[in-house]
Amino acid sequence: MTRVLDGIRIVEQGTFITGPCAAMMLADLGADVIKVEAKGNGDPYRSFRKGFYSAHFQAYNRNKRAIGLDLKDRADRDVFYALVAQSDVYIQNFRPGAAARIGADFDTLIGINPKLVYCSISGFGPDGPYAQRPVYDSVAQAVSGFLSVAIDPQQPRFIGPALADAITGIYASLGISAALLERARTGRGKRIDISMLEAMMHFAVEPFMGYFALGEEPSGTDRPRLAQAYIMRCRDGKLFAFHLSSIDKFWTALVEAIEAPHLAEDPRFSTRLARIDNYDALNAALNAIFATRDRWEWNERFSGFDVPFAPINSIADAVADPQATHMGMIVPVAGRVEGAQRSVRPAHAFDGVRASEVGAAPVLDQHGAAIRAALARAPDAWPRREAEMVPSAQTA
């Protein structure tokens, strides 16, 4: 793993995606993340599909250690507070008020550790008319306005991965990193509040600015039309995408690549603004052309022209893609007890060095005994040693 956050310890008390994703982003950068879960049950995402170690749980909990605690039990709560006292960051994604009921609210934990960066992730924020509503990814996408510019209004349906959950977790990790940098200057901790509503509205800032600057209500079809992005179905039924943007040379190269000079001569398509106004007509004309060859043929042909293009890869295709292979995107999962043997590595490279493996997501309470034993010793016997930072380590 990349170790730019070596020496930073994080206590994560997250469930499902937002909190675990925030902690995973930091674990991928070398932070020592200790996942605190309810004894016996654990994070509900463990059993999201089948068994007690779902692929979904594995996705957002790699590079972590785990301990099972019952915060209603005095002894376990003491263990939790000892962990907080010797950590840099605490992350939770409870509904507002829930942390206080288990003694994990900001005032309590900052009293234990004044240098603590406390991150609270919620659906709608700490207060307000929606604060106590239950929230999941699809709800956040909908209320934030993001979904309205991400779907076809004529055939509306949810598609794709849990964007709002993951994006909120990434925003949270950015805020935590900034707070740690400030703490290095001030020596003081900080409370961070971030909601899925805030994250998704900020993420969709471009259509919001279109609304404010132009007075236009964006729709899900605006972006591809303005950006001149197209998805074509080839003769073999496979999909092929290209993006012309606002640069005329890409249109010129496309016309040449598909051997269709008549399109350039058509007044409906002769300028970028005309192509925007006649997007549907051009889309139909292009689809008729792409239906004459298989996708592999278009791939080979386009590789000789200066057009931004790509096949729409399946996940299996992406794993085997030559560029992804060259970049070493798929790496072994180290220290696994069960589950997948490979995963996608973190996106960063530092000084040209990329992660060559990731640590397996922990099984429930996998490191509980080692963490308890370390805490039972004197405080100075809980150093931040490299051996303790390895997620798969069985001893502290």
Protein backbone atom coordinates (compact mmCIF):
# COMPACT_ATOMS: atom_id res chain seq x y z
CA MET A 1 0.00 0.00 0.00
CA THR A 2 0.95 3.62 -0.43
CA ARG A 3 1.85 5.00 2.99
CA VAL A 4 1.50 8.79 2.73
CA LEU A 5 -0.83 8.69 5.78
CA ASP A 6 1.41 6.36 7.76
CA GLY A 7 1.03 7.21 11.47
CA ILE A 8 -2.59 8.36 11.21
CA ARG A 9 -5.05 6.18 13.13
CA ILE A 10 -8.76 6.26 12.33
CA VAL A 11 -11.67 4.79 14.27
CA GLU A 12 -14.51 4.10 11.87
CA GLN A 13 -17.97 3.27 13.12
CA GLY A 14 -19.63 3.16 9.72
CA THR A 15 -22.21 1.00 8.02
CA PHE A 16 -23.11 0.31 4.39
CA ILE A 17 -21.13 2.71 2.15
CA THR A 18 -20.64 6.39 3.08
CA GLY A 19 -18.67 6.00 6.32
CA PRO A 20 -16.79 2.87 5.24
CA CYS A 21 -15.93 4.48 1.89
CA ALA A 22 -14.50 7.58 3.59
CA ALA A 23 -12.35 5.42 5.84
CA MET A 24 -11.28 3.15 2.98
CA MET A 25 -10.07 6.12 0.93
CA LEU A 26 -7.77 7.03 3.82
CA ALA A 27 -6.78 3.42 4.50
CA ASP A 28 -5.76 3.13 0.85
CA LEU A 29 -3.33 5.97 1.55
CA GLY A 30 -1.77 4.19 4.52
CA ALA A 31 -3.88 5.26 7.51
CA ASP A 32 -4.45 2.63 10.18
CA VAL A 33 -8.23 2.22 10.12
CA ILE A 34 -9.88 0.30 12.94
CA LYS A 35 -13.47 -0.59 12.08
CA VAL A 36 -15.68 -0.78 15.14
CA GLU A 37 -18.74 -2.99 14.66
CA ALA A 38 -21.56 -4.23 16.84
CA LYS A 39 -20.76 -7.58 18.39
CA GLY A 40 -22.39 -10.48 16.61
CA ASN A 41 -24.12 -8.50 13.89
CA GLY A 42 -21.46 -6.25 12.43
CA ASP A 43 -21.94 -3.91 9.53
CA PRO A 44 -25.25 -4.83 7.77
CA TYR A 45 -23.40 -4.62 4.47
CA ARG A 46 -21.61 -7.87 5.41
CA SER A 47 -24.79 -9.79 4.59
CA PHE A 48 -26.08 -7.53 1.81
CA ARG A 49 -26.42 -10.36 -0.68
CA LYS A 50 -25.55 -13.72 0.83
CA GLY A 51 -23.33 -15.09 3.55
CA PHE A 52 -21.57 -12.77 6.00
CA TYR A 53 -18.78 -11.44 3.79
CA SER A 54 -20.51 -9.98 0.78
CA ALA A 55 -18.62 -8.65 -2.22
CA HIS A 56 -20.26 -5.30 -1.45
CA PHE A 57 -18.72 -5.26 2.04
CA GLN A 58 -15.33 -6.31 0.66
CA ALA A 59 -15.44 -3.40 -1.80
CA TYR A 60 -15.50 -0.66 0.85
CA ASN A 61 -13.67 -2.22 3.79
CA ARG A 62 -10.28 -3.31 2.51
CA ASN A 63 -7.04 -2.25 4.21
CA LYS A 64 -8.76 -2.10 7.62
CA ARG A 65 -8.65 -3.90 10.95
CA ALA A 66 -11.84 -4.83 12.81
CA ILE A 67 -13.01 -5.11 16.39
CA GLY A 68 -16.45 -6.03 17.70
CA LEU A 69 -17.75 -3.90 20.59
CA ASP A 70 -21.04 -3.46 22.43
CA LEU A 71 -21.05 0.20 23.45
CA LYS A 72 -23.87 -0.47 25.91
CA ASP A 73 -21.41 -2.61 27.86
CA ARG A 74 -19.19 -0.57 30.19
CA ALA A 75 -16.04 -2.60 29.56
CA ASP A 76 -16.46 -2.42 25.80
CA ARG A 77 -17.19 1.28 25.97
CA ASP A 78 -13.93 1.75 27.88
CA VAL A 79 -12.11 -0.06 25.07
CA PHE A 80 -13.79 2.23 22.55
CA TYR A 81 -12.83 5.37 24.47
CA ALA A 82 -9.25 4.13 24.82
CA LEU A 83 -9.13 3.71 21.05
CA VAL A 84 -10.51 7.21 20.51
CA ALA A 85 -7.99 8.66 22.96
CA GLN A 86 -5.14 7.31 20.86
CA SER A 87 -6.55 8.03 17.41
CA ASP A 88 -6.54 10.97 15.04
CA VAL A 89 -9.92 10.62 13.36
CA TYR A 90 -13.37 9.27 14.17
CA ILE A 91 -15.92 8.59 11.41
CA GLN A 92 -19.60 7.70 11.77
CA ASN A 93 -22.61 7.80 9.47
CA PHE A 94 -25.48 7.49 11.93
CA ARG A 95 -28.75 9.38 11.79
CA PRO A 96 -28.52 12.64 13.76
CA GLY A 97 -28.80 11.93 17.48
CA ALA A 98 -27.81 8.27 17.29
CA ALA A 99 -24.15 8.89 18.21
CA ALA A 100 -25.18 10.66 21.42
CA ARG A 101 -27.30 7.71 22.48
CA ILE A 102 -24.25 5.43 22.46
CA GLY A 103 -21.83 7.97 23.91
CA ALA A 104 -20.04 8.65 20.62
CA ASP A 105 -21.15 12.24 20.05
CA PHE A 106 -18.69 15.02 19.26
CA ASP A 107 -18.72 16.64 22.71
CA THR A 108 -17.97 13.35 24.44
CA LEU A 109 -15.18 12.25 22.12
CA ILE A 110 -13.51 15.66 21.81
CA GLY A 111 -13.47 15.74 25.61
CA ILE A 112 -11.51 12.50 25.55
CA ASN A 113 -9.19 13.60 22.74
CA PRO A 114 -9.04 17.37 22.01
CA LYS A 115 -6.98 16.70 18.87
CA LEU A 116 -9.60 14.42 17.34
CA VAL A 117 -10.96 15.10 13.86
CA TYR A 118 -14.59 14.02 14.16
CA CYS A 119 -16.49 13.33 10.93
CA SER A 120 -20.26 12.92 10.99
CA ILE A 121 -21.87 11.78 7.72
CA SER A 122 -25.64 11.95 7.32
CA GLY A 123 -28.30 11.98 4.66
CA PHE A 124 -29.63 15.51 5.05
CA GLY A 125 -27.43 17.17 7.67
CA PRO A 126 -27.60 17.45 11.47
CA ASP A 127 -30.87 19.40 11.56
CA GLY A 128 -33.69 20.73 9.41
CA PRO A 129 -37.02 19.34 8.18
CA TYR A 130 -35.50 16.20 6.61
CA ALA A 131 -32.83 15.44 9.22
CA GLN A 132 -34.50 12.35 10.71
CA ARG A 133 -35.59 10.81 7.43
CA PRO A 134 -33.98 7.52 6.43
CA VAL A 135 -31.74 8.02 3.40
CA TYR A 136 -30.18 5.72 0.88
CA ASP A 137 -28.26 6.37 -2.31
CA SER A 138 -31.24 6.64 -4.65
CA VAL A 139 -33.03 9.10 -2.36
CA ALA A 140 -29.98 11.36 -2.20
CA GLN A 141 -29.56 11.25 -5.97
CA ALA A 142 -33.20 12.23 -6.39
CA VAL A 143 -33.51 15.08 -3.88
CA SER A 144 -30.20 16.69 -4.84
CA GLY A 145 -31.24 17.28 -8.44
CA PHE A 146 -28.45 15.02 -9.69
CA LEU A 147 -30.80 12.30 -10.88
CA SER A 148 -32.73 14.71 -13.07
CA VAL A 149 -29.60 15.34 -15.15
CA ALA A 150 -28.41 11.72 -15.10
CA ILE A 151 -31.43 9.88 -16.52
CA ASP A 152 -33.37 9.85 -19.75
CA PRO A 153 -36.59 11.68 -18.83
CA GLN A 154 -38.52 9.56 -21.34
CA GLN A 155 -37.38 6.29 -19.76
CA PRO A 156 -36.58 7.13 -16.13
CA ARG A 157 -35.04 4.38 -14.04
CA PHE A 158 -32.19 3.94 -11.61
CA ILE A 159 -29.02 2.53 -13.12
CA GLY A 160 -25.41 2.03 -12.15
CA PRO A 161 -23.56 1.82 -8.84
CA ALA A 162 -24.29 3.71 -5.62
CA LEU A 163 -22.90 7.06 -6.76
CA ALA A 164 -24.26 9.26 -3.97
CA ASP A 165 -22.95 6.94 -1.27
CA ALA A 166 -19.45 6.69 -2.74
CA ILE A 167 -19.20 10.36 -3.73
CA THR A 168 -20.21 11.44 -0.22
CA GLY A 169 -17.55 9.16 1.24
CA ILE A 170 -14.92 10.64 -1.06
CA TYR A 171 -15.95 14.19 -0.10
CA ALA A 172 -15.72 13.19 3.56
CA SER A 173 -12.19 11.84 3.10
CA LEU A 174 -11.18 15.12 1.46
CA GLY A 175 -12.58 17.12 4.39
CA ILE A 176 -10.80 14.85 6.87
CA SER A 177 -7.49 15.26 5.05
CA ALA A 178 -7.88 19.05 5.13
CA ALA A 179 -8.74 19.01 8.83
CA LEU A 180 -5.66 16.91 9.59
CA LEU A 181 -3.53 19.43 7.73
CA GLU A 182 -5.03 22.29 9.73
CA ARG A 183 -4.51 20.35 12.97
CA ALA A 184 -0.83 20.07 12.15
CA ARG A 185 -0.73 23.87 12.35
CA THR A 186 -3.10 24.48 15.27
CA GLY A 187 -2.91 21.33 17.36
CA ARG A 188 -6.70 21.33 17.67
CA GLY A 189 -9.31 18.88 16.48
CA LYS A 190 -12.29 19.72 14.32
CA ARG A 191 -15.86 18.60 13.73
CA ILE A 192 -16.79 17.86 10.12
CA ASP A 193 -20.43 17.51 9.08
CA ILE A 194 -21.21 16.36 5.58
CA SER A 195 -24.47 15.10 4.14
CA MET A 196 -25.33 13.20 1.01
CA LEU A 197 -27.50 16.14 -0.07
CA GLU A 198 -24.58 18.58 0.18
CA ALA A 199 -22.14 16.26 -1.55
CA MET A 200 -24.42 15.53 -4.49
CA MET A 201 -25.48 19.14 -5.03
CA HIS A 202 -21.83 20.18 -5.05
CA PHE A 203 -20.94 17.30 -7.36
CA ALA A 204 -23.63 18.51 -9.79
CA VAL A 205 -22.36 22.09 -9.71
CA GLU A 206 -22.20 22.39 -13.52
CA PRO A 207 -25.95 21.98 -14.18
CA PHE A 208 -26.68 24.24 -11.21
CA MET A 209 -24.52 26.94 -12.76
CA GLY A 210 -26.31 26.48 -16.04
CA TYR A 211 -29.56 27.10 -14.20
CA PHE A 212 -28.25 30.20 -12.40
CA ALA A 213 -26.33 31.70 -15.30
CA LEU A 214 -28.69 30.90 -18.16
CA GLY A 215 -32.02 30.43 -16.46
CA GLU A 216 -32.35 27.02 -18.09
CA GLU A 217 -33.68 23.89 -16.43
CA PRO A 218 -31.15 21.17 -17.40
CA SER A 219 -32.26 17.65 -18.31
CA GLY A 220 -30.52 14.32 -18.61
CA THR A 221 -30.09 14.71 -22.35
CA ASP A 222 -28.44 18.15 -22.27
CA ARG A 223 -24.89 17.13 -21.41
CA PRO A 224 -24.38 14.55 -24.21
CA ARG A 225 -26.01 16.88 -26.74
CA LEU A 226 -23.89 19.91 -25.80
CA ALA A 227 -20.72 17.83 -25.45
CA GLN A 228 -21.50 15.94 -28.67
CA ALA A 229 -21.14 12.56 -27.01
CA TYR A 230 -22.58 9.53 -28.74
CA ILE A 231 -23.18 5.84 -28.05
CA MET A 232 -23.41 3.67 -31.14
CA ARG A 233 -24.66 0.09 -31.53
CA CYS A 234 -22.43 -1.85 -33.90
CA ARG A 235 -23.34 -4.71 -36.25
CA ASP A 236 -22.51 -7.31 -33.59
CA GLY A 237 -24.76 -5.56 -31.06
CA LYS A 238 -21.88 -4.22 -28.98
CA LEU A 239 -21.69 -0.58 -27.93
CA PHE A 240 -19.10 2.00 -28.94
CA ALA A 241 -18.73 5.55 -27.58
CA PHE A 242 -17.03 8.71 -28.75
CA HIS A 243 -16.96 12.32 -27.57
CA LEU A 244 -16.36 15.23 -29.92
CA SER A 245 -16.54 18.10 -27.40
CA SER A 246 -16.19 21.59 -28.89
CA ILE A 247 -13.05 21.03 -30.97
CA ASP A 248 -13.73 20.97 -34.70
CA LYS A 249 -10.78 18.71 -35.48
CA PHE A 250 -12.54 15.80 -33.76
CA TRP A 251 -15.58 16.17 -36.02
CA THR A 252 -13.35 16.32 -39.07
CA ALA A 253 -11.48 13.19 -37.95
CA LEU A 254 -14.74 11.37 -37.21
CA VAL A 255 -16.07 12.05 -40.70
CA GLU A 256 -12.88 10.68 -42.16
CA ALA A 257 -12.79 7.65 -39.86
CA ILE A 258 -16.30 6.57 -40.77
CA GLU A 259 -15.85 7.52 -44.45
CA ALA A 260 -18.91 9.75 -44.48
CA PRO A 261 -18.03 13.06 -46.20
CA HIS A 262 -21.72 13.55 -46.95
CA LEU A 263 -22.33 14.27 -43.25
CA ALA A 264 -19.89 17.19 -43.32
CA GLU A 265 -21.68 18.57 -46.36
CA ASP A 266 -25.13 18.32 -44.76
CA PRO A 267 -26.13 21.84 -43.54
CA ARG A 268 -27.73 20.29 -40.46
CA PHE A 269 -24.29 19.12 -39.33
CA SER A 270 -21.92 21.66 -40.88
CA THR A 271 -21.20 23.54 -37.63
CA ARG A 272 -21.01 22.52 -33.98
CA LEU A 273 -24.10 24.58 -33.09
CA ALA A 274 -25.98 22.96 -35.96
CA ARG A 275 -24.94 19.51 -34.74
CA ILE A 276 -26.19 20.40 -31.25
CA ASP A 277 -29.55 21.55 -32.64
CA ASN A 278 -29.83 18.41 -34.78
CA TYR A 279 -28.37 15.94 -32.30
CA ASP A 280 -31.10 13.32 -32.74
CA ALA A 281 -30.86 13.40 -36.53
CA LEU A 282 -27.08 13.07 -36.46
CA ASN A 283 -27.32 10.29 -33.90
CA ALA A 284 -29.64 8.36 -36.21
CA ALA A 285 -27.37 8.89 -39.22
CA LEU A 286 -24.30 7.75 -37.29
CA ASN A 287 -26.05 4.66 -35.92
CA ALA A 288 -26.90 3.60 -39.46
CA ILE A 289 -23.23 3.79 -40.36
CA PHE A 290 -21.97 1.99 -37.26
CA ALA A 291 -24.43 -0.85 -37.86
CA THR A 292 -22.40 -1.82 -40.93
CA ARG A 293 -19.35 -3.10 -39.01
CA ASP A 294 -18.57 -5.06 -35.86
CA ARG A 295 -17.15 -3.20 -32.88
CA TRP A 296 -13.68 -4.68 -33.20
CA GLU A 297 -13.50 -3.27 -36.70
CA TRP A 298 -14.46 0.21 -35.50
CA ASN A 299 -11.91 -0.07 -32.69
CA GLU A 300 -9.16 -0.86 -35.18
CA ARG A 301 -10.23 1.87 -37.57
CA PHE A 302 -10.58 4.61 -34.95
CA SER A 303 -7.14 3.84 -33.51
CA GLY A 304 -5.69 5.50 -36.59
CA PHE A 305 -7.62 8.76 -36.16
CA ASP A 306 -7.55 11.57 -33.59
CA VAL A 307 -11.02 10.99 -32.11
CA PRO A 308 -11.74 10.41 -28.39
CA PHE A 309 -13.34 6.94 -28.47
CA ALA A 310 -13.71 3.71 -26.55
CA PRO A 311 -15.69 0.52 -26.61
CA ILE A 312 -18.21 0.41 -23.77
CA ASN A 313 -16.41 -2.25 -21.80
CA SER A 314 -18.16 -4.71 -19.54
CA ILE A 315 -16.49 -5.19 -16.16
CA ALA A 316 -14.81 -8.30 -17.56
CA ASP A 317 -13.66 -6.30 -20.58
CA ALA A 318 -12.26 -3.54 -18.36
CA VAL A 319 -10.29 -6.07 -16.30
CA ALA A 320 -8.64 -7.34 -19.49
CA ASP A 321 -8.30 -3.94 -21.19
CA PRO A 322 -4.73 -3.38 -22.45
CA GLN A 323 -4.39 0.06 -20.85
CA ALA A 324 -5.82 -1.10 -17.50
CA THR A 325 -3.43 -4.06 -17.64
CA HIS A 326 -0.50 -1.77 -18.44
CA MET A 327 -1.42 0.45 -15.47
CA GLY A 328 -1.64 -2.54 -13.12
CA MET A 329 -5.20 -1.73 -12.11
CA ILE A 330 -6.00 -5.21 -10.82
CA VAL A 331 -3.92 -6.32 -7.83
CA PRO A 332 -3.89 -9.24 -5.38
CA VAL A 333 -5.84 -9.12 -2.12
CA ALA A 334 -3.32 -9.80 0.64
CA GLY A 335 -4.12 -11.53 3.93
CA ARG A 336 -7.51 -12.79 2.81
CA VAL A 337 -9.42 -15.26 4.95
CA GLU A 338 -12.17 -15.63 2.37
CA GLY A 339 -13.62 -13.64 -0.50
CA ALA A 340 -12.12 -12.27 -3.69
CA GLN A 341 -8.49 -12.88 -4.56
CA ARG A 342 -8.18 -9.71 -6.68
CA SER A 343 -9.39 -6.12 -6.47
CA VAL A 344 -8.99 -2.72 -8.11
CA ARG A 345 -6.02 -0.83 -6.68
CA PRO A 346 -6.21 2.77 -5.36
CA ALA A 347 -6.12 5.40 -8.08
CA HIS A 348 -3.12 7.40 -6.81
CA ALA A 349 0.53 7.14 -7.70
CA PHE A 350 3.09 8.90 -5.50
CA ASP A 351 6.51 9.49 -7.03
CA GLY A 352 5.49 7.04 -9.72
CA VAL A 353 4.76 4.27 -7.21
CA ARG A 354 1.34 2.61 -7.25
CA ALA A 355 -0.13 0.07 -4.86
CA SER A 356 0.79 -3.49 -5.83
CA GLU A 357 -1.74 -5.12 -3.50
CA VAL A 358 -4.57 -4.26 -1.12
CA GLY A 359 -5.34 -5.71 2.30
CA ALA A 360 -8.40 -7.91 2.61
CA ALA A 361 -11.51 -6.56 4.27
CA PRO A 362 -11.56 -7.99 7.80
CA VAL A 363 -13.89 -10.68 9.00
CA LEU A 364 -15.94 -9.67 12.02
CA ASP A 365 -13.74 -8.94 15.07
CA GLN A 366 -10.72 -10.33 13.22
CA HIS A 367 -8.28 -8.09 15.10
CA GLY A 368 -10.29 -7.67 18.29
CA ALA A 369 -8.07 -9.76 20.55
CA ALA A 370 -4.87 -8.09 19.33
CA ILE A 371 -6.29 -4.58 19.71
CA ARG A 372 -7.63 -5.31 23.20
CA ALA A 373 -4.29 -6.79 24.25
CA ALA A 374 -2.41 -3.75 23.00
CA LEU A 375 -4.77 -1.37 24.81
CA ALA A 376 -4.40 -3.36 28.03
CA ARG A 377 -0.73 -2.57 28.08
CA ALA A 378 0.59 0.82 29.14
CA PRO A 379 -0.20 3.64 26.68
CA ASP A 380 3.41 3.82 25.53
CA ALA A 381 3.14 0.15 24.52
CA TRP A 382 0.69 1.13 21.74
CA PRO A 383 3.15 2.62 19.27
CA ARG A 384 2.28 3.12 15.62
CA ARG A 385 4.57 0.40 14.39
CA GLU A 386 4.55 -0.77 10.81
CA ALA A 387 3.63 -4.29 11.93
CA GLU A 388 0.48 -3.01 13.58
CA MET A 389 -0.58 -1.08 10.48
CA VAL A 390 -0.87 -4.12 8.23
CA PRO A 391 -4.62 -4.86 7.93
CA SER A 392 -4.10 -8.62 7.78
CA ALA A 393 -1.90 -8.78 10.88
CA GLN A 394 -3.15 -11.27 13.47
CA THR A 395 -1.23 -9.75 16.37
CA ALA A 396 -0.77 -6.18 17.51
